[in-house]
Amino acid sequence: MPPFPDVVLQAITRHGVVPGRGYVTLGHEDALITHYPPEPERAFVVHWTRSQREPAELFGELTAHLRDAGARSAQWWFRDDSSPVGLEELVLAAGATTVEDQVCLARAVDGRLPVIAPGVRVTLLEDAAGLDAMVDIGVGVFDDPEPADRAELLAEVLDDLERASAAWVIGWLDGVPVGRARVGLEHGVAALVGAAVLSQARRRGVYAAMLAARLDLASTARCHTAVTKARRTQSLPVLLREGFTVIGHERAHLLATT
């Protein structure tokens, strides 16, 4: 593993931990738990645990905490630095199903960009049409929650763009929007997040083109490193081919709480 700066490892730890828009935090001193009130059936999310307590004690307390808050199910995330050791095994032993198995990666922002395939182009999200494509693709691929106010969300996206703190890009194939992805720009690190491509457009170079666009934006913002996460059978081969190095792993397990 290359000696990436501490800020890079911190960025990959935060990536995916910040609650999504509309999610509400359910306070607990040993875990970050969120839920999405507009959709009571949607699983709660245990984003991380940090504790020196006994695994069985913490598992019992968190499970009761989730149940008391009305959770019907919860998605538990575990990373290389999650604690206490043994908690993940208890979640699995309780009947959880693994729903995510991701690889954390990083590489230098050094001017190298993936080749853009024929028929593919990428645009910056700057208007309502772009926002509609971003939202609809996220709903179709990830079952993202529908935003209550798209105009408000567009204002937030454009504000991030104006402050050069983040940007969304839209991937097009033969004139149709089929992909979306985000880059966050903070402390010289570009977090590549939220990439999604509709199933009928996969393996056509759309993901690689959106990767190229986001690395170009990272270079413009003078970032030194890009970090991201990948599913093993989807974007991982592309990222490894483009010079990314594995720096960690994380998993999510879905467990019924009722």
Protein backbone atom coordinates (compact mmCIF):
# COMPACT_ATOMS: atom_id res chain seq x y z
CA MET A 1 0.00 0.00 0.00
CA PRO A 2 1.46 3.40 -0.96
CA PRO A 3 1.98 5.93 1.83
CA PHE A 4 -1.01 8.17 1.14
CA PRO A 5 -1.27 11.18 3.48
CA ASP A 6 -3.48 10.85 6.57
CA VAL A 7 -5.97 13.28 5.03
CA VAL A 8 -6.58 10.77 2.22
CA LEU A 9 -7.34 7.94 4.63
CA GLN A 10 -9.60 10.25 6.61
CA ALA A 11 -11.44 11.19 3.43
CA ILE A 12 -12.09 7.59 2.47
CA THR A 13 -13.36 6.92 6.00
CA ARG A 14 -15.79 9.87 5.76
CA HIS A 15 -16.91 8.95 2.25
CA GLY A 16 -20.31 7.34 2.57
CA VAL A 17 -20.59 8.24 6.25
CA VAL A 18 -22.14 11.69 5.89
CA PRO A 19 -25.93 11.17 6.00
CA GLY A 20 -27.79 11.69 2.75
CA ARG A 21 -30.09 14.64 2.13
CA GLY A 22 -33.32 14.26 4.10
CA TYR A 23 -31.94 11.63 6.48
CA VAL A 24 -32.26 12.25 10.24
CA THR A 25 -29.60 11.27 12.78
CA LEU A 26 -30.62 8.97 15.60
CA GLY A 27 -28.17 9.81 18.36
CA HIS A 28 -26.00 7.19 20.06
CA GLU A 29 -22.56 7.67 21.61
CA ASP A 30 -21.08 4.52 20.03
CA ALA A 31 -22.61 4.70 16.54
CA LEU A 32 -23.90 6.98 13.81
CA ILE A 33 -27.43 5.90 12.90
CA THR A 34 -29.75 7.61 10.42
CA HIS A 35 -33.18 7.05 8.93
CA TYR A 36 -35.42 8.63 6.27
CA PRO A 37 -38.72 9.71 7.90
CA PRO A 38 -40.69 10.20 4.64
CA GLU A 39 -40.34 6.45 3.95
CA PRO A 40 -40.84 4.49 7.21
CA GLU A 41 -40.30 1.15 5.44
CA ARG A 42 -36.81 2.17 4.27
CA ALA A 43 -34.01 0.53 6.26
CA PHE A 44 -32.26 2.56 8.95
CA VAL A 45 -28.49 2.88 8.43
CA VAL A 46 -25.77 2.18 11.00
CA HIS A 47 -22.98 4.11 9.28
CA TRP A 48 -20.22 3.25 11.77
CA THR A 49 -19.52 1.96 15.26
CA ARG A 50 -16.62 3.02 17.50
CA SER A 51 -16.60 1.43 20.93
CA GLN A 52 -14.48 -0.39 23.51
CA ARG A 53 -17.51 -2.23 24.89
CA GLU A 54 -18.15 -5.94 24.57
CA PRO A 55 -19.61 -6.78 21.13
CA ALA A 56 -22.63 -8.65 22.49
CA GLU A 57 -23.52 -5.82 24.88
CA LEU A 58 -23.30 -3.18 22.15
CA PHE A 59 -25.21 -5.31 19.63
CA GLY A 60 -28.05 -5.84 22.07
CA GLU A 61 -28.23 -2.16 22.95
CA LEU A 62 -28.11 -0.92 19.35
CA THR A 63 -30.69 -3.46 18.24
CA ALA A 64 -33.04 -2.32 21.00
CA HIS A 65 -32.30 1.32 20.14
CA LEU A 66 -33.24 0.69 16.50
CA ARG A 67 -36.39 -1.22 17.40
CA ASP A 68 -37.53 1.50 19.83
CA ALA A 69 -37.05 4.10 17.08
CA GLY A 70 -39.37 2.18 14.78
CA ALA A 71 -36.79 0.51 12.53
CA ARG A 72 -38.11 -2.52 10.66
CA SER A 73 -34.64 -3.28 9.33
CA ALA A 74 -31.16 -1.76 9.46
CA GLN A 75 -28.18 -1.71 7.14
CA TRP A 76 -25.01 -2.13 9.22
CA TRP A 77 -21.76 -0.87 7.68
CA PHE A 78 -18.34 -2.18 8.72
CA ARG A 79 -14.90 -0.93 7.67
CA ASP A 80 -11.35 -2.04 8.39
CA ASP A 81 -11.25 0.22 11.46
CA SER A 82 -14.72 -0.56 12.85
CA SER A 83 -14.92 -1.52 16.52
CA PRO A 84 -15.50 -3.46 18.62
CA VAL A 85 -14.00 -6.47 16.87
CA GLY A 86 -16.59 -9.24 16.73
CA LEU A 87 -19.64 -7.02 16.26
CA GLU A 88 -19.84 -7.74 12.53
CA GLU A 89 -19.83 -11.48 13.19
CA LEU A 90 -22.73 -11.06 15.63
CA VAL A 91 -24.75 -9.13 13.03
CA LEU A 92 -24.19 -11.91 10.49
CA ALA A 93 -24.97 -14.63 13.04
CA ALA A 94 -28.29 -12.89 13.76
CA GLY A 95 -29.34 -13.56 10.16
CA ALA A 96 -28.14 -10.48 8.29
CA THR A 97 -27.68 -10.60 4.51
CA THR A 98 -24.62 -8.96 2.94
CA VAL A 99 -25.84 -6.28 0.51
CA GLU A 100 -22.59 -4.39 -0.18
CA ASP A 101 -18.98 -5.54 -0.47
CA GLN A 102 -16.86 -2.59 -1.55
CA VAL A 103 -13.21 -1.85 -2.12
CA CYS A 104 -11.73 1.54 -1.12
CA LEU A 105 -9.21 2.97 -3.60
CA ALA A 106 -6.99 6.00 -4.18
CA ARG A 107 -4.65 7.37 -6.85
CA ALA A 108 -2.74 10.54 -7.61
CA VAL A 109 -4.39 13.26 -9.65
CA ASP A 110 -1.67 13.56 -12.26
CA GLY A 111 -3.22 14.29 -15.63
CA ARG A 112 -3.86 10.70 -16.68
CA LEU A 113 -7.45 10.33 -17.94
CA PRO A 114 -9.46 7.39 -19.28
CA VAL A 115 -10.15 7.34 -23.02
CA ILE A 116 -13.66 8.49 -24.02
CA ALA A 117 -15.53 5.83 -26.02
CA PRO A 118 -17.41 6.67 -29.25
CA GLY A 119 -20.96 7.86 -28.70
CA VAL A 120 -20.25 8.88 -25.09
CA ARG A 121 -20.02 12.40 -23.71
CA VAL A 122 -20.18 14.02 -20.28
CA THR A 123 -21.76 17.31 -19.24
CA LEU A 124 -21.70 19.30 -16.00
CA LEU A 125 -24.98 19.42 -14.07
CA GLU A 126 -25.96 23.07 -14.31
CA ASP A 127 -29.74 23.14 -14.85
CA ALA A 128 -33.08 21.53 -14.01
CA ALA A 129 -32.86 19.03 -16.87
CA GLY A 130 -29.52 17.81 -15.58
CA LEU A 131 -30.87 17.55 -12.05
CA ASP A 132 -33.86 15.51 -13.26
CA ALA A 133 -31.46 13.10 -15.00
CA MET A 134 -29.28 12.85 -11.88
CA VAL A 135 -32.24 12.13 -9.59
CA ASP A 136 -34.02 9.72 -11.94
CA ILE A 137 -30.86 7.68 -12.57
CA GLY A 138 -30.18 7.49 -8.82
CA VAL A 139 -33.73 6.28 -8.16
CA GLY A 140 -33.45 3.71 -10.95
CA VAL A 141 -30.05 2.32 -9.99
CA PHE A 142 -29.79 2.76 -6.21
CA ASP A 143 -33.43 3.25 -5.16
CA ASP A 144 -32.42 6.68 -3.84
CA PRO A 145 -35.23 8.59 -2.10
CA GLU A 146 -37.14 11.03 -4.27
CA PRO A 147 -36.26 14.60 -3.19
CA ALA A 148 -39.19 16.53 -1.78
CA ASP A 149 -38.17 19.72 -3.59
CA ARG A 150 -36.09 19.41 -6.75
CA ALA A 151 -35.73 23.18 -7.06
CA GLU A 152 -34.18 23.35 -3.59
CA LEU A 153 -31.84 20.47 -4.43
CA LEU A 154 -30.77 22.19 -7.65
CA ALA A 155 -29.99 25.36 -5.68
CA GLU A 156 -27.75 23.32 -3.35
CA VAL A 157 -25.98 21.65 -6.29
CA LEU A 158 -25.36 24.99 -7.99
CA ASP A 159 -24.13 26.52 -4.73
CA ASP A 160 -21.59 23.69 -4.34
CA LEU A 161 -20.52 24.28 -7.93
CA GLU A 162 -20.16 28.03 -7.37
CA ARG A 163 -18.02 27.44 -4.27
CA ALA A 164 -15.99 24.77 -6.11
CA SER A 165 -16.69 22.32 -3.28
CA ALA A 166 -18.44 19.69 -5.39
CA ALA A 167 -19.89 18.99 -8.83
CA TRP A 168 -22.21 16.49 -10.49
CA VAL A 169 -21.67 15.22 -14.03
CA ILE A 170 -24.11 13.53 -16.40
CA GLY A 171 -22.98 10.76 -18.75
CA TRP A 172 -24.65 10.51 -22.15
CA LEU A 173 -24.77 7.60 -24.60
CA ASP A 174 -25.99 8.24 -28.13
CA GLY A 175 -27.66 11.47 -27.01
CA VAL A 176 -29.49 9.99 -23.99
CA PRO A 177 -28.58 10.68 -20.32
CA VAL A 178 -27.73 7.29 -18.81
CA GLY A 179 -25.23 8.00 -16.03
CA ARG A 180 -24.50 10.39 -13.21
CA ALA A 181 -21.61 10.86 -10.74
CA ARG A 182 -20.35 13.38 -8.18
CA VAL A 183 -16.95 14.68 -7.14
CA GLY A 184 -16.39 16.36 -3.78
CA LEU A 185 -13.36 18.66 -3.48
CA GLU A 186 -11.93 19.14 0.01
CA HIS A 187 -8.43 19.63 1.46
CA GLY A 188 -6.77 18.64 -1.80
CA VAL A 189 -8.66 15.33 -1.97
CA ALA A 190 -11.28 14.55 -4.63
CA ALA A 191 -13.95 12.12 -3.38
CA LEU A 192 -15.52 10.36 -6.36
CA VAL A 193 -19.01 9.34 -5.22
CA GLY A 194 -22.51 8.52 -6.40
CA ALA A 195 -21.60 7.00 -9.76
CA ALA A 196 -24.52 5.18 -11.39
CA VAL A 197 -25.15 3.96 -14.93
CA LEU A 198 -28.48 2.56 -16.13
CA SER A 199 -28.30 -1.17 -16.76
CA GLN A 200 -28.93 -0.95 -20.51
CA ALA A 201 -25.94 1.40 -20.94
CA ARG A 202 -23.30 -0.47 -18.93
CA ARG A 203 -20.02 -1.69 -20.42
CA ARG A 204 -20.20 1.04 -23.06
CA GLY A 205 -17.62 3.40 -21.54
CA VAL A 206 -20.00 5.74 -19.69
CA TYR A 207 -18.50 5.13 -16.25
CA ALA A 208 -14.96 5.63 -17.60
CA ALA A 209 -16.00 8.90 -19.27
CA MET A 210 -17.54 10.21 -16.03
CA LEU A 211 -14.36 9.16 -14.22
CA ALA A 212 -12.29 11.15 -16.73
CA ALA A 213 -14.50 14.22 -16.25
CA ARG A 214 -14.25 14.08 -12.48
CA LEU A 215 -10.48 13.58 -12.50
CA ASP A 216 -10.22 16.58 -14.81
CA LEU A 217 -12.30 18.64 -12.37
CA ALA A 218 -10.07 17.42 -9.53
CA SER A 219 -7.00 18.58 -11.43
CA THR A 220 -8.57 21.97 -12.08
CA ALA A 221 -9.29 22.26 -8.34
CA ARG A 222 -5.62 21.42 -7.63
CA CYS A 223 -6.43 18.20 -5.77
CA HIS A 224 -3.47 15.87 -5.25
CA THR A 225 -5.38 12.60 -4.69
CA ALA A 226 -8.67 11.02 -5.74
CA VAL A 227 -10.47 8.50 -3.52
CA THR A 228 -13.43 6.30 -4.28
CA LYS A 229 -15.16 3.02 -3.53
CA ALA A 230 -16.12 0.27 -5.94
CA ARG A 231 -18.17 -2.88 -6.18
CA ARG A 232 -15.89 -5.76 -7.04
CA THR A 233 -17.76 -6.88 -10.16
CA GLN A 234 -18.64 -3.45 -11.54
CA SER A 235 -16.35 -0.41 -11.42
CA LEU A 236 -13.38 -2.05 -9.69
CA PRO A 237 -11.74 -3.42 -12.87
CA VAL A 238 -11.97 0.02 -14.53
CA LEU A 239 -10.46 1.78 -11.53
CA LEU A 240 -7.57 -0.67 -11.20
CA ARG A 241 -6.85 -0.28 -14.91
CA GLU A 242 -6.78 3.50 -14.46
CA GLY A 243 -4.11 3.38 -11.75
CA PHE A 244 -6.12 3.26 -8.52
CA THR A 245 -4.67 1.35 -5.56
CA VAL A 246 -6.64 -0.57 -2.94
CA ILE A 247 -6.44 1.11 0.48
CA GLY A 248 -9.28 -0.59 2.38
CA HIS A 249 -12.55 -2.52 2.36
CA GLU A 250 -16.06 -2.11 3.68
CA ARG A 251 -19.23 -4.17 3.85
CA ALA A 252 -22.93 -3.61 4.57
CA HIS A 253 -25.28 -6.20 6.05
CA LEU A 254 -29.09 -5.89 6.11
CA LEU A 255 -30.70 -7.17 9.30
CA ALA A 256 -34.39 -7.28 10.20
CA THR A 257 -35.10 -5.70 13.58
CA THR A 258 -38.70 -6.82 14.04
